Amino acid sequence: MIPVRALRAAAAVEAASLAALLANLLTVHAPAVSSVTGPTHGAAYLAVIATTLAVTAAPRARLYAVVPGIGGLLALSAIRARSRTGPSETGGPRRG
C-alpha cells in the first residue's frame, strides 16, 4: 500500500499547490510565490501521473490522473471505487 500512500501525498500537494497558485493570482500576484509554487505543482502533477500508472491498470483512474489540479484526487476516488466493486468487468483477474 505504499504506492497508494505516495499517490495520496502527491494528490494533496498537487491540489494544495494549485490552490496557492490561484490564491496568489487572485490577490497580490507575487512573482516569488509563483516561482516556488509553480514548479512544485508541476512536479506533483507528474508524480500523480507516474504513481497512478504504477498503482493501477484501471483506465478510468489513469485518465483521471492527467486532469491538472484535481486529477490525483479523482484517481484516488476511482481506485477506491474499483477496489469496492470486486473483479474487473471483463471477468479476468484484477490488476492493481
PDB file of N, CA and C in Angstrom:
ATOM      1  N   MET A   1       0.801  -1.212   0.000  1.00  0.00           N
ATOM      2  CA  MET A   1       0.000   0.000   0.000  1.00  0.00           C
ATOM      3  C   MET A   1       0.836   1.266   0.000  1.00  0.00           C
ATOM      4  N   ILE A   2       2.147   1.144  -0.055  1.00  0.00           N
ATOM      5  CA  ILE A   2       2.993   2.327  -0.080  1.00  0.00           C
ATOM      6  C   ILE A   2       2.743   3.172  -1.329  1.00  0.00           C
ATOM      7  N   PRO A   3       2.581   2.579  -2.543  1.00  0.00           N
ATOM      8  CA  PRO A   3       2.302   3.432  -3.695  1.00  0.00           C
ATOM      9  C   PRO A   3       1.013   4.221  -3.562  1.00  0.00           C
ATOM     10  N   VAL A   4      -0.023   3.636  -2.944  1.00  0.00           N
ATOM     11  CA  VAL A   4      -1.266   4.381  -2.747  1.00  0.00           C
ATOM     12  C   VAL A   4      -1.030   5.537  -1.784  1.00  0.00           C
ATOM     13  N   ARG A   5      -0.218   5.310  -0.767  1.00  0.00           N
ATOM     14  CA  ARG A   5       0.129   6.377   0.161  1.00  0.00           C
ATOM     15  C   ARG A   5       0.881   7.504  -0.555  1.00  0.00           C
ATOM     16  N   ALA A   6       1.783   7.121  -1.451  1.00  0.00           N
ATOM     17  CA  ALA A   6       2.528   8.108  -2.236  1.00  0.00           C
ATOM     18  C   ALA A   6       1.591   8.875  -3.155  1.00  0.00           C
ATOM     19  N   LEU A   7       0.622   8.182  -3.750  1.00  0.00           N
ATOM     20  CA  LEU A   7      -0.362   8.853  -4.602  1.00  0.00           C
ATOM     21  C   LEU A   7      -1.202   9.826  -3.790  1.00  0.00           C
ATOM     22  N   ARG A   8      -1.574   9.414  -2.597  1.00  0.00           N
ATOM     23  CA  ARG A   8      -2.358  10.294  -1.730  1.00  0.00           C
ATOM     24  C   ARG A   8      -1.586  11.568  -1.394  1.00  0.00           C
ATOM     25  N   ALA A   9      -0.297  11.423  -1.085  1.00  0.00           N
ATOM     26  CA  ALA A   9       0.533  12.587  -0.765  1.00  0.00           C
ATOM     27  C   ALA A   9       0.719  13.483  -1.982  1.00  0.00           C
ATOM     28  N   ALA A  10       0.994  12.884  -3.140  1.00  0.00           N
ATOM     29  CA  ALA A  10       1.186  13.674  -4.355  1.00  0.00           C
ATOM     30  C   ALA A  10      -0.099  14.396  -4.744  1.00  0.00           C
ATOM     31  N   ALA A  11      -1.237  13.743  -4.569  1.00  0.00           N
ATOM     32  CA  ALA A  11      -2.520  14.376  -4.883  1.00  0.00           C
ATOM     33  C   ALA A  11      -2.783  15.561  -3.964  1.00  0.00           C
ATOM     34  N   ALA A  12      -2.438  15.420  -2.699  1.00  0.00           N
ATOM     35  CA  ALA A  12      -2.633  16.528  -1.757  1.00  0.00           C
ATOM     36  C   ALA A  12      -1.738  17.716  -2.105  1.00  0.00           C
ATOM     37  N   VAL A  13      -0.483  17.433  -2.443  1.00  0.00           N
ATOM     38  CA  VAL A  13       0.437  18.509  -2.819  1.00  0.00           C
ATOM     39  C   VAL A  13      -0.023  19.169  -4.111  1.00  0.00           C
ATOM     40  N   GLU A  14      -0.494  18.373  -5.057  1.00  0.00           N
ATOM     41  CA  GLU A  14      -0.983  18.921  -6.324  1.00  0.00           C
ATOM     42  C   GLU A  14      -2.155  19.875  -6.091  1.00  0.00           C
ATOM     43  N   ALA A  15      -3.130  19.447  -5.306  1.00  0.00           N
ATOM     44  CA  ALA A  15      -4.306  20.282  -5.054  1.00  0.00           C
ATOM     45  C   ALA A  15      -3.948  21.525  -4.236  1.00  0.00           C
ATOM     46  N   ALA A  16      -3.105  21.352  -3.220  1.00  0.00           N
ATOM     47  CA  ALA A  16      -2.723  22.498  -2.384  1.00  0.00           C
ATOM     48  C   ALA A  16      -1.897  23.514  -3.162  1.00  0.00           C
ATOM     49  N   SER A  17      -1.003  23.037  -4.009  1.00  0.00           N
ATOM     50  CA  SER A  17      -0.186  23.978  -4.785  1.00  0.00           C
ATOM     51  C   SER A  17      -1.029  24.711  -5.817  1.00  0.00           C
ATOM     52  N   LEU A  18      -2.029  24.035  -6.385  1.00  0.00           N
ATOM     53  CA  LEU A  18      -2.931  24.731  -7.301  1.00  0.00           C
ATOM     54  C   LEU A  18      -3.719  25.804  -6.559  1.00  0.00           C
ATOM     55  N   ALA A  19      -4.190  25.478  -5.367  1.00  0.00           N
ATOM     56  CA  ALA A  19      -4.919  26.472  -4.562  1.00  0.00           C
ATOM     57  C   ALA A  19      -4.029  27.669  -4.246  1.00  0.00           C
ATOM     58  N   ALA A  20      -2.764  27.407  -3.918  1.00  0.00           N
ATOM     59  CA  ALA A  20      -1.835  28.500  -3.624  1.00  0.00           C
ATOM     60  C   ALA A  20      -1.574  29.348  -4.861  1.00  0.00           C
ATOM     61  N   LEU A  21      -1.421  28.707  -6.013  1.00  0.00           N
ATOM     62  CA  LEU A  21      -1.210  29.460  -7.257  1.00  0.00           C
ATOM     63  C   LEU A  21      -2.418  30.336  -7.587  1.00  0.00           C
ATOM     64  N   LEU A  22      -3.598  29.785  -7.450  1.00  0.00           N
ATOM     65  CA  LEU A  22      -4.803  30.568  -7.743  1.00  0.00           C
ATOM     66  C   LEU A  22      -5.004  31.694  -6.741  1.00  0.00           C
ATOM     67  N   ALA A  23      -4.743  31.421  -5.466  1.00  0.00           N
ATOM     68  CA  ALA A  23      -4.856  32.477  -4.448  1.00  0.00           C
ATOM     69  C   ALA A  23      -3.867  33.595  -4.724  1.00  0.00           C
ATOM     70  N   ASN A  24      -2.672  33.243  -5.113  1.00  0.00           N
ATOM     71  CA  ASN A  24      -1.654  34.244  -5.443  1.00  0.00           C
ATOM     72  C   ASN A  24      -2.093  35.054  -6.667  1.00  0.00           C
ATOM     73  N   LEU A  25      -2.655  34.388  -7.648  1.00  0.00           N
ATOM     74  CA  LEU A  25      -3.099  35.068  -8.860  1.00  0.00           C
ATOM     75  C   LEU A  25      -4.235  36.040  -8.567  1.00  0.00           C
ATOM     76  N   LEU A  26      -5.139  35.644  -7.680  1.00  0.00           N
ATOM     77  CA  LEU A  26      -6.304  36.485  -7.378  1.00  0.00           C
ATOM     78  C   LEU A  26      -6.013  37.600  -6.379  1.00  0.00           C
ATOM     79  N   THR A  27      -4.884  37.528  -5.683  1.00  0.00           N
ATOM     80  CA  THR A  27      -4.579  38.550  -4.668  1.00  0.00           C
ATOM     81  C   THR A  27      -3.387  39.390  -5.092  1.00  0.00           C
ATOM     82  N   VAL A  28      -2.237  39.140  -4.550  1.00  0.00           N
ATOM     83  CA  VAL A  28      -1.076  40.021  -4.752  1.00  0.00           C
ATOM     84  C   VAL A  28      -0.251  39.694  -5.984  1.00  0.00           C
ATOM     85  N   HIS A  29      -0.368  38.501  -6.512  1.00  0.00           N
ATOM     86  CA  HIS A  29       0.401  38.032  -7.666  1.00  0.00           C
ATOM     87  C   HIS A  29       1.897  38.265  -7.487  1.00  0.00           C
ATOM     88  N   ALA A  30       2.415  37.741  -6.392  1.00  0.00           N
ATOM     89  CA  ALA A  30       3.839  37.868  -6.082  1.00  0.00           C
ATOM     90  C   ALA A  30       4.638  36.890  -6.938  1.00  0.00           C
ATOM     91  N   PRO A  31       5.602  37.404  -7.707  1.00  0.00           N
ATOM     92  CA  PRO A  31       6.401  36.509  -8.549  1.00  0.00           C
ATOM     93  C   PRO A  31       7.167  35.453  -7.752  1.00  0.00           C
ATOM     94  N   ALA A  32       7.576  35.775  -6.554  1.00  0.00           N
ATOM     95  CA  ALA A  32       8.323  34.809  -5.741  1.00  0.00           C
ATOM     96  C   ALA A  32       7.452  33.595  -5.389  1.00  0.00           C
ATOM     97  N   VAL A  33       6.199  33.842  -5.093  1.00  0.00           N
ATOM     98  CA  VAL A  33       5.284  32.739  -4.771  1.00  0.00           C
ATOM     99  C   VAL A  33       5.079  31.862  -5.999  1.00  0.00           C
ATOM    100  N   SER A  34       4.890  32.486  -7.142  1.00  0.00           N
ATOM    101  CA  SER A  34       4.699  31.729  -8.380  1.00  0.00           C
ATOM    102  C   SER A  34       5.935  30.928  -8.757  1.00  0.00           C
ATOM    103  N   SER A  35       7.109  31.501  -8.532  1.00  0.00           N
ATOM    104  CA  SER A  35       8.334  30.805  -8.918  1.00  0.00           C
ATOM    105  C   SER A  35       8.621  29.585  -8.040  1.00  0.00           C
ATOM    106  N   VAL A  36       8.076  29.565  -6.841  1.00  0.00           N
ATOM    107  CA  VAL A  36       8.252  28.401  -5.970  1.00  0.00           C
ATOM    108  C   VAL A  36       7.094  27.417  -6.140  1.00  0.00           C
ATOM    109  N   THR A  37       5.887  27.930  -6.183  1.00  0.00           N
ATOM    110  CA  THR A  37       4.708  27.083  -6.211  1.00  0.00           C
ATOM    111  C   THR A  37       4.485  26.439  -7.581  1.00  0.00           C
ATOM    112  N   GLY A  38       4.835  27.131  -8.646  1.00  0.00           N
ATOM    113  CA  GLY A  38       4.638  26.597  -9.994  1.00  0.00           C
ATOM    114  C   GLY A  38       5.397  25.291 -10.227  1.00  0.00           C
ATOM    115  N   PRO A  39       6.715  25.284 -10.003  1.00  0.00           N
ATOM    116  CA  PRO A  39       7.447  24.028 -10.176  1.00  0.00           C
ATOM    117  C   PRO A  39       7.007  22.926  -9.197  1.00  0.00           C
ATOM    118  N   THR A  40       6.606  23.317  -7.995  1.00  0.00           N
ATOM    119  CA  THR A  40       6.107  22.334  -7.030  1.00  0.00           C
ATOM    120  C   THR A  40       4.845  21.670  -7.571  1.00  0.00           C
ATOM    121  N   HIS A  41       3.963  22.482  -8.125  1.00  0.00           N
ATOM    122  CA  HIS A  41       2.726  21.955  -8.699  1.00  0.00           C
ATOM    123  C   HIS A  41       3.036  21.042  -9.896  1.00  0.00           C
ATOM    124  N   GLY A  42       3.971  21.455 -10.733  1.00  0.00           N
ATOM    125  CA  GLY A  42       4.341  20.635 -11.882  1.00  0.00           C
ATOM    126  C   GLY A  42       4.930  19.296 -11.479  1.00  0.00           C
ATOM    127  N   ALA A  43       5.787  19.317 -10.489  1.00  0.00           N
ATOM    128  CA  ALA A  43       6.388  18.070 -10.012  1.00  0.00           C
ATOM    129  C   ALA A  43       5.331  17.152  -9.394  1.00  0.00           C
ATOM    130  N   ALA A  44       4.411  17.720  -8.633  1.00  0.00           N
ATOM    131  CA  ALA A  44       3.344  16.921  -8.022  1.00  0.00           C
ATOM    132  C   ALA A  44       2.431  16.344  -9.098  1.00  0.00           C
ATOM    133  N   TYR A  45       2.162  17.114 -10.138  1.00  0.00           N
ATOM    134  CA  TYR A  45       1.328  16.648 -11.248  1.00  0.00           C
ATOM    135  C   TYR A  45       1.971  15.431 -11.921  1.00  0.00           C
ATOM    136  N   LEU A  46       3.262  15.528 -12.204  1.00  0.00           N
ATOM    137  CA  LEU A  46       3.976  14.398 -12.810  1.00  0.00           C
ATOM    138  C   LEU A  46       4.041  13.195 -11.866  1.00  0.00           C
ATOM    139  N   ALA A  47       4.198  13.455 -10.575  1.00  0.00           N
ATOM    140  CA  ALA A  47       4.232  12.368  -9.590  1.00  0.00           C
ATOM    141  C   ALA A  47       2.890  11.650  -9.521  1.00  0.00           C
ATOM    142  N   VAL A  48       1.805  12.403  -9.621  1.00  0.00           N
ATOM    143  CA  VAL A  48       0.469  11.795  -9.615  1.00  0.00           C
ATOM    144  C   VAL A  48       0.312  10.869 -10.813  1.00  0.00           C
ATOM    145  N   ILE A  49       0.711  11.329 -11.982  1.00  0.00           N
ATOM    146  CA  ILE A  49       0.582  10.504 -13.182  1.00  0.00           C
ATOM    147  C   ILE A  49       1.429   9.243 -13.060  1.00  0.00           C
ATOM    148  N   ALA A  50       2.685   9.399 -12.683  1.00  0.00           N
ATOM    149  CA  ALA A  50       3.584   8.245 -12.573  1.00  0.00           C
ATOM    150  C   ALA A  50       3.114   7.255 -11.512  1.00  0.00           C
ATOM    151  N   THR A  51       2.675   7.763 -10.384  1.00  0.00           N
ATOM    152  CA  THR A  51       2.232   6.887  -9.301  1.00  0.00           C
ATOM    153  C   THR A  51       0.945   6.163  -9.674  1.00  0.00           C
ATOM    154  N   THR A  52       0.039   6.853 -10.346  1.00  0.00           N
ATOM    155  CA  THR A  52      -1.202   6.208 -10.770  1.00  0.00           C
ATOM    156  C   THR A  52      -0.910   5.085 -11.757  1.00  0.00           C
ATOM    157  N   LEU A  53       0.011   5.327 -12.673  1.00  0.00           N
ATOM    158  CA  LEU A  53       0.385   4.281 -13.622  1.00  0.00           C
ATOM    159  C   LEU A  53       0.986   3.073 -12.906  1.00  0.00           C
ATOM    160  N   ALA A  54       1.708   3.316 -11.821  1.00  0.00           N
ATOM    161  CA  ALA A  54       2.327   2.224 -11.062  1.00  0.00           C
ATOM    162  C   ALA A  54       1.330   1.486 -10.180  1.00  0.00           C
ATOM    163  N   VAL A  55       0.304   2.185  -9.721  1.00  0.00           N
ATOM    164  CA  VAL A  55      -0.626   1.608  -8.749  1.00  0.00           C
ATOM    165  C   VAL A  55      -1.715   0.773  -9.399  1.00  0.00           C
ATOM    166  N   THR A  56      -2.244   1.223 -10.528  1.00  0.00           N
ATOM    167  CA  THR A  56      -3.432   0.564 -11.068  1.00  0.00           C
ATOM    168  C   THR A  56      -3.385   0.455 -12.587  1.00  0.00           C
ATOM    169  N   ALA A  57      -4.133  -0.510 -13.086  1.00  0.00           N
ATOM    170  CA  ALA A  57      -4.308  -0.660 -14.527  1.00  0.00           C
ATOM    171  C   ALA A  57      -5.683  -0.166 -14.958  1.00  0.00           C
ATOM    172  N   ALA A  58      -6.448   0.371 -14.020  1.00  0.00           N
ATOM    173  CA  ALA A  58      -7.795   0.839 -14.327  1.00  0.00           C
ATOM    174  C   ALA A  58      -7.742   2.030 -15.279  1.00  0.00           C
ATOM    175  N   PRO A  59      -8.369   1.913 -16.448  1.00  0.00           N
ATOM    176  CA  PRO A  59      -8.311   3.003 -17.422  1.00  0.00           C
ATOM    177  C   PRO A  59      -8.906   4.311 -16.905  1.00  0.00           C
ATOM    178  N   ARG A  60      -9.981   4.211 -16.133  1.00  0.00           N
ATOM    179  CA  ARG A  60     -10.627   5.426 -15.634  1.00  0.00           C
ATOM    180  C   ARG A  60      -9.700   6.185 -14.683  1.00  0.00           C
ATOM    181  N   ALA A  61      -9.041   5.491 -13.783  1.00  0.00           N
ATOM    182  CA  ALA A  61      -8.118   6.144 -12.852  1.00  0.00           C
ATOM    183  C   ALA A  61      -6.952   6.762 -13.602  1.00  0.00           C
ATOM    184  N   ARG A  62      -6.446   6.057 -14.607  1.00  0.00           N
ATOM    185  CA  ARG A  62      -5.332   6.594 -15.393  1.00  0.00           C
ATOM    186  C   ARG A  62      -5.756   7.833 -16.169  1.00  0.00           C
ATOM    187  N   LEU A  63      -6.958   7.841 -16.677  1.00  0.00           N
ATOM    188  CA  LEU A  63      -7.462   9.013 -17.392  1.00  0.00           C
ATOM    189  C   LEU A  63      -7.636  10.193 -16.433  1.00  0.00           C
ATOM    190  N   TYR A  64      -8.198   9.930 -15.275  1.00  0.00           N
ATOM    191  CA  TYR A  64      -8.380  10.998 -14.289  1.00  0.00           C
ATOM    192  C   TYR A  64      -7.050  11.590 -13.836  1.00  0.00           C
ATOM    193  N   ALA A  65      -6.010  10.785 -13.784  1.00  0.00           N
ATOM    194  CA  ALA A  65      -4.717  11.257 -13.284  1.00  0.00           C
ATOM    195  C   ALA A  65      -4.143  12.392 -14.117  1.00  0.00           C
ATOM    196  N   VAL A  66      -4.488  12.470 -15.384  1.00  0.00           N
ATOM    197  CA  VAL A  66      -3.922  13.519 -16.232  1.00  0.00           C
ATOM    198  C   VAL A  66      -4.702  14.826 -16.181  1.00  0.00           C
ATOM    199  N   VAL A  67      -5.766  14.884 -15.392  1.00  0.00           N
ATOM    200  CA  VAL A  67      -6.505  16.131 -15.220  1.00  0.00           C
ATOM    201  C   VAL A  67      -5.698  17.034 -14.291  1.00  0.00           C
ATOM    202  N   PRO A  68      -5.280  18.205 -14.772  1.00  0.00           N
ATOM    203  CA  PRO A  68      -4.452  19.079 -13.930  1.00  0.00           C
ATOM    204  C   PRO A  68      -5.211  19.578 -12.691  1.00  0.00           C
ATOM    205  N   GLY A  69      -4.515  19.646 -11.594  1.00  0.00           N
ATOM    206  CA  GLY A  69      -5.080  20.222 -10.371  1.00  0.00           C
ATOM    207  C   GLY A  69      -5.764  19.239  -9.459  1.00  0.00           C
ATOM    208  N   ILE A  70      -6.777  18.547  -9.965  1.00  0.00           N
ATOM    209  CA  ILE A  70      -7.547  17.633  -9.117  1.00  0.00           C
ATOM    210  C   ILE A  70      -7.475  16.195  -9.600  1.00  0.00           C
ATOM    211  N   GLY A  71      -6.640  15.922 -10.581  1.00  0.00           N
ATOM    212  CA  GLY A  71      -6.554  14.583 -11.142  1.00  0.00           C
ATOM    213  C   GLY A  71      -6.167  13.516 -10.135  1.00  0.00           C
ATOM    214  N   GLY A  72      -5.273  13.858  -9.226  1.00  0.00           N
ATOM    215  CA  GLY A  72      -4.863  12.892  -8.207  1.00  0.00           C
ATOM    216  C   GLY A  72      -6.007  12.499  -7.296  1.00  0.00           C
ATOM    217  N   LEU A  73      -6.801  13.476  -6.919  1.00  0.00           N
ATOM    218  CA  LEU A  73      -7.948  13.188  -6.055  1.00  0.00           C
ATOM    219  C   LEU A  73      -8.991  12.361  -6.794  1.00  0.00           C
ATOM    220  N   LEU A  74      -9.204  12.677  -8.073  1.00  0.00           N
ATOM    221  CA  LEU A  74     -10.143  11.887  -8.874  1.00  0.00           C
ATOM    222  C   LEU A  74      -9.639  10.461  -9.074  1.00  0.00           C
ATOM    223  N   ALA A  75      -8.350  10.311  -9.315  1.00  0.00           N
ATOM    224  CA  ALA A  75      -7.769   8.977  -9.495  1.00  0.00           C
ATOM    225  C   ALA A  75      -7.894   8.152  -8.215  1.00  0.00           C
ATOM    226  N   LEU A  76      -7.636   8.772  -7.073  1.00  0.00           N
ATOM    227  CA  LEU A  76      -7.798   8.062  -5.804  1.00  0.00           C
ATOM    228  C   LEU A  76      -9.237   7.587  -5.622  1.00  0.00           C
ATOM    229  N   SER A  77     -10.168   8.449  -5.960  1.00  0.00           N
ATOM    230  CA  SER A  77     -11.578   8.091  -5.848  1.00  0.00           C
ATOM    231  C   SER A  77     -11.914   6.912  -6.757  1.00  0.00           C
ATOM    232  N   ALA A  78     -11.387   6.925  -7.978  1.00  0.00           N
ATOM    233  CA  ALA A  78     -11.645   5.820  -8.911  1.00  0.00           C
ATOM    234  C   ALA A  78     -11.009   4.530  -8.423  1.00  0.00           C
ATOM    235  N   ILE A  79      -9.827   4.615  -7.846  1.00  0.00           N
ATOM    236  CA  ILE A  79      -9.154   3.424  -7.327  1.00  0.00           C
ATOM    237  C   ILE A  79      -9.941   2.844  -6.156  1.00  0.00           C
ATOM    238  N   ARG A  80     -10.424   3.711  -5.267  1.00  0.00           N
ATOM    239  CA  ARG A  80     -11.234   3.238  -4.136  1.00  0.00           C
ATOM    240  C   ARG A  80     -12.519   2.576  -4.620  1.00  0.00           C
ATOM    241  N   ALA A  81     -13.178   3.202  -5.595  1.00  0.00           N
ATOM    242  CA  ALA A  81     -14.431   2.653  -6.111  1.00  0.00           C
ATOM    243  C   ALA A  81     -14.193   1.304  -6.772  1.00  0.00           C
ATOM    244  N   ARG A  82     -13.095   1.175  -7.480  1.00  0.00           N
ATOM    245  CA  ARG A  82     -12.778  -0.091  -8.154  1.00  0.00           C
ATOM    246  C   ARG A  82     -12.458  -1.180  -7.143  1.00  0.00           C
ATOM    247  N   SER A  83     -11.805  -0.807  -6.048  1.00  0.00           N
ATOM    248  CA  SER A  83     -11.468  -1.823  -5.051  1.00  0.00           C
ATOM    249  C   SER A  83     -12.715  -2.325  -4.324  1.00  0.00           C
ATOM    250  N   ARG A  84     -13.766  -1.516  -4.279  1.00  0.00           N
ATOM    251  CA  ARG A  84     -15.016  -1.926  -3.630  1.00  0.00           C
ATOM    252  C   ARG A  84     -15.891  -2.789  -4.522  1.00  0.00           C
ATOM    253  N   THR A  85     -15.721  -2.671  -5.850  1.00  0.00           N
ATOM    254  CA  THR A  85     -16.625  -3.379  -6.754  1.00  0.00           C
ATOM    255  C   THR A  85     -16.236  -4.818  -7.006  1.00  0.00           C
ATOM    256  N   GLY A  86     -15.020  -5.209  -6.689  1.00  0.00           N
ATOM    257  CA  GLY A  86     -14.616  -6.598  -6.889  1.00  0.00           C
ATOM    258  C   GLY A  86     -13.890  -6.799  -8.198  1.00  0.00           C
ATOM    259  N   PRO A  87     -14.091  -7.967  -8.840  1.00  0.00           N
ATOM    260  CA  PRO A  87     -13.357  -8.296 -10.065  1.00  0.00           C
ATOM    261  C   PRO A  87     -13.650  -7.320 -11.194  1.00  0.00           C
ATOM    262  N   SER A  88     -12.768  -7.314 -12.173  1.00  0.00           N
ATOM    263  CA  SER A  88     -12.927  -6.403 -13.303  1.00  0.00           C
ATOM    264  C   SER A  88     -14.150  -6.770 -14.125  1.00  0.00           C
ATOM    265  N   GLU A  89     -14.590  -5.827 -14.923  1.00  0.00           N
ATOM    266  CA  GLU A  89     -15.772  -6.023 -15.741  1.00  0.00           C
ATOM    267  C   GLU A  89     -15.554  -7.086 -16.818  1.00  0.00           C
ATOM    268  N   THR A  90     -14.318  -7.330 -17.202  1.00  0.00           N
ATOM    269  CA  THR A  90     -14.010  -8.300 -18.242  1.00  0.00           C
ATOM    270  C   THR A  90     -14.048  -9.728 -17.734  1.00  0.00           C
ATOM    271  N   GLY A  91     -14.141  -9.915 -16.458  1.00  0.00           N
ATOM    272  CA  GLY A  91     -14.197 -11.247 -15.885  1.00  0.00           C
ATOM    273  C   GLY A  91     -12.832 -11.833 -15.571  1.00  0.00           C
ATOM    274  N   GLY A  92     -11.784 -11.180 -16.011  1.00  0.00           N
ATOM    275  CA  GLY A  92     -10.443 -11.679 -15.750  1.00  0.00           C
ATOM    276  C   GLY A  92      -9.975 -11.252 -14.372  1.00  0.00           C
ATOM    277  N   PRO A  93      -8.768 -11.656 -14.002  1.00  0.00           N
ATOM    278  CA  PRO A  93      -8.246 -11.260 -12.705  1.00  0.00           C
ATOM    279  C   PRO A  93      -7.979  -9.766 -12.655  1.00  0.00           C
ATOM    280  N   ARG A  94      -8.181  -9.175 -11.508  1.00  0.00           N
ATOM    281  CA  ARG A  94      -7.956  -7.746 -11.337  1.00  0.00           C
ATOM    282  C   ARG A  94      -6.487  -7.476 -11.216  1.00  0.00           C
ATOM    283  N   ARG A  95      -6.044  -6.405 -11.837  1.00  0.00           N
ATOM    284  CA  ARG A  95      -4.668  -5.943 -11.684  1.00  0.00           C
ATOM    285  C   ARG A  95      -4.723  -4.602 -10.992  1.00  0.00           C
ATOM    286  N   GLY A  96      -3.964  -4.425  -9.960  1.00  0.00           N
ATOM    287  CA  GLY A  96      -3.882  -3.121  -9.315  1.00  0.00           C
ATOM    288  C   GLY A  96      -4.499  -3.128  -8.038  1.00  0.00           C
TER     289      GLY A  96
END
